[in-house]
Amino acid sequence: MPLPQSCPIPSRPVAPARAARAGALLLAIAAAAWLPAAALAQPYTGASAYGTASGAMVLSCHTCTNYPIILVNADAVGNASAGGQGATAASISQVALIDRDATLASFPDDEKTQGPDYTLGGGAAYAASATFSGPLATPLLGARASSDNPRVYNPHSVFDPLLFVGWDYFSATAIASATQGYTFSGTARTTYSVHFSLDGTLLDPRASLSGTAVVHDGDGETGVRARAEATLATTRITGSEALAGSFSIAMTFNPGETLYLEASLSASASGNFQDGLPDFGPLSADGMHTLRVSQITGGDTGLLTPVLTVSAVPEPASVAMLLLGLGGLAALQRRRSAAASVAGRRAGAA
C-alpha cells in the first residue's frame, strides 16, 4: 500500500548529528594544532627584553648637589620591556631624548650656581632582542647599550667663559633573556653539556657584556641545578675592541624529566668618573645576537624535546585538517539544504 503523499519518503540517511560531531571534532583538532605558541607555553618558558637609561649632571665641587637630567621620553626609556612567558621573540630599542628646558629649570637659579646657564648634552641608547634558534629552539640573545658623556661648562661666567664645572653622565643597560624547557625521553640518567659562545665589541672599560645560564627544575629560586657565566670587558682606554668568550653548563636529566635552561645577556655602559680614564666621551657595549648555544654534547639530542614550540605558523598537516573540517561542515550544510528543497517540492506537489 502506497504511503500518503503528505509523508515524503526520506532520502538516504546522512546522520546529520554524527556528521556535525565529526566536523566539529576535525575543527577542534585543527584549531589546537594551529594555536599560537604562546597559548601552548609551559611555565617559565619564553623570551624577554628589558632596558633602562638615565642621566645626571655631576658638578665638580665637593659641596655641590648632583641633578638628574630630565628626559622627554622618561616613561618609555626609563623602563622598557617586551615579551614574557610564552613569547617566542621579544625586542626593544630606545634612545633617550633630553628635555633641556625642564632639566635646567629644575636647577636653583642664584648667583652661586647659575644652573640655567650650564651647557647640557650627551645621551644614551639601548636595544635588546631574544628569540630561539635551531632544531632544539635554544636561546639566541642580543643586547646593546651606549652613552655619550660630555663635560659641562658655564659659558656665561663673568670670570671665565669656558669655565669647566662638571659632567653630564648617562647610564644605559639592556638585558635579553630566554627560557626553554626540555623533556628527556631517554630511559637512563644522562648529562648533557650545553656550550655557549659570547662575542661583542666594547668601547671603554666602563662598558661590559655579561652572559649567564641557569638550569632549574621549574623553580628558578629553589630548584637550581647549575649556573655558569662569562663577562667581556676591555682594558683599552681609547678605541673599540672586539672580544669573544665561552662557557658551558650541565643539564642532568632523569628519565622523563623536564628541565629548564634560562639564559640572559646584559649590556651596560655607565658613565662615571674614574681615575686614569677619560672623564668624558662615548661608551658602548655592542653584542646583538651574540649569546647563543654553539653545541650540545654528552648524549643523543634526539631524546630532548623543547617545551616551548617556537613556530606559530600552522604546518601543512594542520592546514589540511582544518580544510577537511571546513569541507565536512560545508558538505553537511549542502545535504541539509538539498533535503529541505526536496521536502519542499514534495509538499508543494501534495
Protein backbone atom coordinates (compact mmCIF):
# COMPACT_ATOMS: atom_id res chain seq x y z
CA MET A 1 0.00 0.00 0.00
CA PRO A 2 1.49 3.28 -1.04
CA LEU A 3 2.27 5.87 1.56
CA PRO A 4 0.31 9.14 1.62
CA GLN A 5 1.89 12.00 -0.29
CA SER A 6 1.90 14.04 2.90
CA CYS A 7 4.61 11.76 4.27
CA PRO A 8 7.52 12.10 1.84
CA ILE A 9 9.98 9.22 1.72
CA PRO A 10 13.27 10.40 3.32
CA SER A 11 16.39 10.23 1.24
CA ARG A 12 19.33 8.04 2.25
CA PRO A 13 20.14 8.88 5.92
CA VAL A 14 23.06 11.30 6.20
CA ALA A 15 23.40 11.01 10.01
CA PRO A 16 23.43 14.80 10.47
CA ALA A 17 24.25 14.67 14.18
CA ARG A 18 27.16 12.30 13.60
CA ALA A 19 28.44 14.38 10.69
CA ALA A 20 28.21 17.54 12.74
CA ARG A 21 30.16 15.96 15.57
CA ALA A 22 32.82 14.72 13.15
CA GLY A 23 33.17 18.12 11.53
CA ALA A 24 33.39 19.84 14.90
CA LEU A 25 35.99 17.32 16.06
CA LEU A 26 38.11 17.92 12.98
CA LEU A 27 37.88 21.67 13.53
CA ALA A 28 38.83 21.34 17.18
CA ILE A 29 41.84 19.18 16.36
CA ALA A 30 42.95 21.55 13.61
CA ALA A 31 42.47 24.60 15.82
CA ALA A 32 44.54 23.01 18.58
CA ALA A 33 47.31 22.33 16.08
CA TRP A 34 47.06 25.93 14.87
CA LEU A 35 47.14 27.65 18.25
CA PRO A 36 49.87 30.27 18.66
CA ALA A 37 52.91 29.13 20.59
CA ALA A 38 52.04 31.50 23.46
CA ALA A 39 48.86 29.56 24.14
CA LEU A 40 50.80 26.29 24.37
CA ALA A 41 53.60 27.67 26.52
CA GLN A 42 54.53 25.92 29.74
CA PRO A 43 55.53 27.75 32.94
CA TYR A 44 58.88 29.51 32.92
CA THR A 45 59.29 29.40 29.13
CA GLY A 46 59.51 32.46 26.90
CA ALA A 47 61.64 35.33 25.57
CA SER A 48 62.01 38.73 27.23
CA ALA A 49 63.82 42.02 26.64
CA TYR A 50 64.38 44.82 29.14
CA GLY A 51 66.19 48.15 29.20
CA THR A 52 66.71 51.30 31.23
CA ALA A 53 68.53 54.61 30.81
CA SER A 54 69.09 57.71 32.92
CA GLY A 55 71.30 60.78 33.16
CA ALA A 56 72.70 63.14 35.79
CA MET A 57 74.68 66.38 35.82
CA VAL A 58 77.58 65.80 38.21
CA LEU A 59 79.13 69.05 39.38
CA SER A 60 82.82 69.04 40.20
CA CYS A 61 82.78 70.82 43.56
CA HIS A 62 82.66 68.73 46.73
CA THR A 63 79.68 70.53 48.21
CA CYS A 64 77.59 70.82 45.05
CA THR A 65 74.41 68.83 44.51
CA ASN A 66 74.13 66.50 41.54
CA TYR A 67 70.98 66.95 39.46
CA PRO A 68 69.06 64.35 37.42
CA ILE A 69 68.77 65.03 33.71
CA ILE A 70 65.10 65.04 32.76
CA LEU A 71 64.24 63.07 29.62
CA VAL A 72 61.40 63.88 27.24
CA ASN A 73 60.59 60.18 26.91
CA ALA A 74 61.44 59.24 30.50
CA ASP A 75 58.44 56.91 30.88
CA ALA A 76 59.42 54.87 27.84
CA VAL A 77 63.21 54.85 28.03
CA GLY A 78 63.45 54.65 31.81
CA ASN A 79 61.93 51.21 31.99
CA ALA A 80 61.14 49.41 28.72
CA SER A 81 60.22 45.75 28.39
CA ALA A 82 58.82 43.29 25.87
CA GLY A 83 57.91 39.63 25.67
CA GLY A 84 57.41 37.37 28.66
CA GLN A 85 56.08 33.92 29.38
CA GLY A 86 55.09 32.14 26.20
CA ALA A 87 56.67 34.70 23.86
CA THR A 88 58.76 33.20 21.08
CA ALA A 89 60.55 36.51 20.40
CA ALA A 90 61.00 39.89 22.06
CA SER A 91 62.82 43.08 21.15
CA ILE A 92 63.16 46.69 22.30
CA SER A 93 65.07 49.73 21.08
CA GLN A 94 65.15 53.13 22.78
CA VAL A 95 67.03 56.42 22.53
CA ALA A 96 66.94 58.89 25.42
CA LEU A 97 65.82 62.42 24.48
CA ILE A 98 66.89 65.25 26.80
CA ASP A 99 64.36 67.82 27.94
CA ARG A 100 66.78 70.73 28.15
CA ASP A 101 64.38 73.37 29.41
CA ALA A 102 62.89 71.19 32.13
CA THR A 103 66.30 69.99 33.28
CA LEU A 104 67.88 73.43 33.60
CA ALA A 105 64.72 74.89 35.08
CA SER A 106 64.99 72.36 37.92
CA PHE A 107 68.38 73.83 38.98
CA PRO A 108 68.49 76.61 41.59
CA ASP A 109 68.94 79.90 39.82
CA ASP A 110 71.13 82.09 42.03
CA GLU A 111 74.49 83.83 41.90
CA LYS A 112 76.42 80.78 43.10
CA THR A 113 75.07 78.03 40.86
CA GLN A 114 73.61 79.76 37.79
CA GLY A 115 72.03 76.44 36.80
CA PRO A 116 70.15 77.63 33.71
CA ASP A 117 73.43 78.83 32.22
CA TYR A 118 75.08 75.39 32.21
CA THR A 119 75.72 73.54 28.98
CA LEU A 120 73.78 70.31 28.58
CA GLY A 121 74.37 67.46 26.14
CA GLY A 122 75.08 63.81 25.58
CA GLY A 123 72.59 60.98 25.77
CA ALA A 124 72.04 57.23 25.98
CA ALA A 125 70.54 54.41 23.93
CA TYR A 126 69.95 50.70 24.24
CA ALA A 127 68.48 47.72 22.41
CA ALA A 128 67.83 44.07 23.24
CA SER A 129 66.46 41.06 21.41
CA ALA A 130 65.64 37.49 22.41
CA THR A 131 64.48 34.56 20.33
CA PHE A 132 65.15 30.85 19.79
CA SER A 133 67.13 29.09 17.08
CA GLY A 134 67.93 25.69 15.64
CA PRO A 135 66.12 22.34 15.82
CA LEU A 136 66.16 22.39 19.64
CA ALA A 137 64.99 26.01 19.83
CA THR A 138 67.91 27.12 22.00
CA PRO A 139 68.20 30.74 23.24
CA LEU A 140 69.64 33.37 20.91
CA LEU A 141 70.20 36.72 22.61
CA GLY A 142 71.47 40.19 21.74
CA ALA A 143 71.98 43.39 23.69
CA ARG A 144 73.49 46.83 23.07
CA ALA A 145 73.97 49.83 25.35
CA SER A 146 75.71 53.16 24.79
CA SER A 147 76.14 56.52 26.49
CA ASP A 148 77.72 59.80 25.46
CA ASN A 149 79.13 61.79 28.38
CA PRO A 150 80.23 65.40 27.78
CA ARG A 151 81.83 67.98 30.07
CA VAL A 152 79.67 70.75 31.46
CA TYR A 153 80.65 74.42 31.15
CA ASN A 154 79.24 77.73 32.29
CA PRO A 155 79.60 79.92 29.17
CA HIS A 156 78.10 82.94 30.93
CA SER A 157 80.58 83.06 33.77
CA VAL A 158 81.91 86.59 34.33
CA PHE A 159 85.26 85.08 35.27
CA ASP A 160 85.84 82.53 32.53
CA PRO A 161 83.50 81.91 29.55
CA LEU A 162 84.94 78.37 29.31
CA LEU A 163 84.59 77.54 32.99
CA PHE A 164 84.50 73.75 33.45
CA VAL A 165 82.06 72.84 36.22
CA GLY A 166 81.33 69.10 35.87
CA TRP A 167 79.99 66.37 33.62
CA ASP A 168 76.77 65.10 32.07
CA TYR A 169 76.89 61.37 32.78
CA PHE A 170 74.48 58.85 31.28
CA SER A 171 73.92 55.17 32.01
CA ALA A 172 72.22 52.56 29.86
CA THR A 173 71.54 48.88 30.42
CA ALA A 174 69.91 46.33 28.14
CA ILE A 175 69.03 42.76 29.13
CA ALA A 176 67.78 39.94 26.92
CA SER A 177 66.68 36.60 28.35
CA ALA A 178 65.09 33.40 27.13
CA THR A 179 64.00 30.26 28.97
CA GLN A 180 63.42 26.98 27.17
CA GLY A 181 62.28 23.73 28.73
CA TYR A 182 63.43 20.31 27.53
CA THR A 183 61.73 17.00 28.20
CA PHE A 184 64.06 13.98 28.22
CA SER A 185 62.60 10.79 26.71
CA GLY A 186 65.59 8.52 27.44
CA THR A 187 65.50 5.57 29.83
CA ALA A 188 68.79 6.20 31.66
CA ARG A 189 70.05 9.21 33.62
CA THR A 190 72.02 11.40 31.18
CA THR A 191 74.10 14.57 31.47
CA TYR A 192 74.25 16.98 28.56
CA SER A 193 76.76 19.83 28.36
CA VAL A 194 75.35 22.98 26.76
CA HIS A 195 78.12 25.18 25.34
CA PHE A 196 77.52 28.92 24.93
CA SER A 197 79.52 31.40 22.86
CA LEU A 198 79.59 35.13 23.55
CA ASP A 199 81.09 37.94 21.47
CA GLY A 200 80.84 41.67 21.09
CA THR A 201 82.56 44.99 20.62
CA LEU A 202 83.38 47.21 23.61
CA LEU A 203 84.37 50.85 23.79
CA ASP A 204 85.79 51.95 27.17
CA PRO A 205 86.38 49.83 30.31
CA ARG A 206 83.14 51.16 31.81
CA ALA A 207 81.16 49.14 29.28
CA SER A 208 80.63 45.39 29.55
CA LEU A 209 78.77 42.37 28.20
CA SER A 210 77.79 39.54 30.55
CA GLY A 211 76.23 36.19 29.71
CA THR A 212 74.61 33.87 32.25
CA ALA A 213 72.94 30.44 32.10
CA VAL A 214 70.96 28.68 34.80
CA VAL A 215 69.43 25.19 34.81
CA HIS A 216 66.47 24.57 37.10
CA ASP A 217 63.64 22.09 37.50
CA GLY A 218 60.83 24.61 37.13
CA ASP A 219 61.54 26.63 40.23
CA GLY A 220 64.04 29.34 39.46
CA GLU A 221 64.61 30.05 43.16
CA THR A 222 65.00 26.70 44.92
CA GLY A 223 65.27 24.25 42.06
CA VAL A 224 68.56 25.46 40.56
CA ARG A 225 70.73 22.58 39.34
CA ALA A 226 73.61 24.51 37.75
CA ARG A 227 74.81 28.04 36.99
CA ALA A 228 77.52 29.41 34.66
CA GLU A 229 78.53 32.79 33.30
CA ALA A 230 81.09 34.82 31.37
CA THR A 231 81.82 38.55 31.16
CA LEU A 232 83.52 40.51 28.40
CA ALA A 233 85.42 43.65 29.41
CA THR A 234 88.19 45.68 27.85
CA THR A 235 91.19 47.48 29.30
CA ARG A 236 91.61 49.73 26.28
CA ILE A 237 91.22 53.36 27.28
CA THR A 238 90.65 54.54 23.72
CA GLY A 239 89.27 52.77 20.67
CA SER A 240 86.95 49.78 20.44
CA GLU A 241 87.92 46.16 20.95
CA ALA A 242 86.23 43.01 19.63
CA LEU A 243 86.12 40.28 22.26
CA ALA A 244 84.81 36.72 22.48
CA GLY A 245 84.27 34.20 25.24
CA SER A 246 82.52 30.93 26.03
CA PHE A 247 81.17 28.90 28.91
CA SER A 248 79.33 25.61 29.46
CA ILE A 249 76.61 24.36 31.75
CA ALA A 250 75.47 20.82 32.65
CA MET A 251 71.91 19.54 32.35
CA THR A 252 71.47 16.17 34.09
CA PHE A 253 68.14 14.51 33.28
CA ASN A 254 66.38 11.63 34.93
CA PRO A 255 64.14 9.56 32.63
CA GLY A 256 61.05 11.51 31.67
CA GLU A 257 62.21 14.66 33.46
CA THR A 258 61.76 18.24 32.22
CA LEU A 259 64.47 20.81 32.95
CA TYR A 260 64.61 24.48 32.06
CA LEU A 261 67.56 26.31 30.52
CA GLU A 262 67.44 30.02 31.32
CA ALA A 263 69.95 32.25 29.51
CA SER A 264 70.44 36.01 29.81
CA LEU A 265 72.70 38.63 28.26
CA SER A 266 73.37 42.04 29.77
CA ALA A 267 74.97 45.05 28.07
CA SER A 268 75.97 48.00 30.23
CA ALA A 269 77.51 51.42 29.54
CA SER A 270 77.65 53.54 32.68
CA GLY A 271 79.28 56.95 32.53
CA ASN A 272 81.16 57.97 35.68
CA PHE A 273 84.45 59.47 36.76
CA GLN A 274 87.35 57.05 37.24
CA ASP A 275 90.99 57.98 37.69
CA GLY A 276 93.04 57.04 34.67
CA LEU A 277 90.07 57.09 32.30
CA PRO A 278 88.82 59.94 30.12
CA ASP A 279 86.27 61.96 32.09
CA PHE A 280 84.04 62.40 29.03
CA GLY A 281 83.27 60.75 25.70
CA PRO A 282 81.27 57.79 24.36
CA LEU A 283 80.95 54.33 25.93
CA SER A 284 79.36 51.34 24.28
CA ALA A 285 78.81 47.61 24.60
CA ASP A 286 77.57 46.12 21.34
CA GLY A 287 76.52 42.49 21.27
CA MET A 288 73.45 41.95 19.13
CA HIS A 289 72.58 38.27 18.60
CA THR A 290 75.79 37.40 20.37
CA LEU A 291 74.92 34.88 23.10
CA ARG A 292 74.00 31.56 21.57
CA VAL A 293 74.32 27.82 22.05
CA SER A 294 77.23 26.61 19.95
CA GLN A 295 76.98 22.89 20.77
CA ILE A 296 75.26 20.31 22.98
CA THR A 297 77.29 17.23 23.89
CA GLY A 298 77.02 14.22 26.19
CA GLY A 299 74.12 12.30 24.71
CA ASP A 300 71.62 11.85 21.91
CA THR A 301 69.96 15.25 21.45
CA GLY A 302 67.13 13.47 19.65
CA LEU A 303 65.90 12.47 23.11
CA LEU A 304 65.36 16.14 24.04
CA THR A 305 62.08 17.79 23.11
CA PRO A 306 61.63 21.58 23.51
CA VAL A 307 58.72 22.52 25.76
CA LEU A 308 58.06 25.85 24.07
CA THR A 309 57.17 25.42 20.40
CA VAL A 310 58.63 28.47 18.69
CA SER A 311 56.77 28.22 15.37
CA ALA A 312 53.28 29.75 15.43
CA VAL A 313 52.80 29.04 11.70
CA PRO A 314 50.50 26.04 11.07
CA GLU A 315 52.14 23.01 9.49
CA PRO A 316 50.76 21.64 6.19
CA ALA A 317 49.06 18.75 8.01
CA SER A 318 47.28 21.17 10.33
CA VAL A 319 46.11 23.27 7.38
CA ALA A 320 44.84 20.16 5.60
CA MET A 321 42.99 19.04 8.71
CA LEU A 322 41.43 22.47 9.07
CA LEU A 323 40.30 22.49 5.44
CA LEU A 324 38.94 18.96 5.83
CA GLY A 325 36.88 20.05 8.82
CA LEU A 326 35.53 23.08 6.97
CA GLY A 327 34.78 20.90 3.95
CA GLY A 328 32.88 18.41 6.11
CA LEU A 329 30.71 21.13 7.58
CA ALA A 330 30.10 22.62 4.13
CA ALA A 331 29.07 19.24 2.74
CA LEU A 332 26.71 18.71 5.66
CA GLN A 333 25.11 22.10 5.02
CA ARG A 334 24.66 21.28 1.33
CA ARG A 335 22.98 17.97 2.17
CA ARG A 336 20.64 19.66 4.62
CA SER A 337 19.76 22.30 2.03
CA ALA A 338 19.14 19.65 -0.64
CA ALA A 339 16.95 17.59 1.70
CA ALA A 340 14.94 20.66 2.65
CA SER A 341 14.48 21.53 -1.04
CA VAL A 342 13.21 18.02 -1.90
CA ALA A 343 10.82 18.07 1.03
CA GLY A 344 9.53 21.45 -0.04
CA ARG A 345 8.87 20.30 -3.63
CA ARG A 346 7.04 17.16 -2.49
CA ALA A 347 4.97 19.11 -0.04
CA GLY A 348 4.07 21.56 -2.80
CA ALA A 349 3.14 18.75 -5.17
CA ALA A 350 0.86 17.32 -2.50
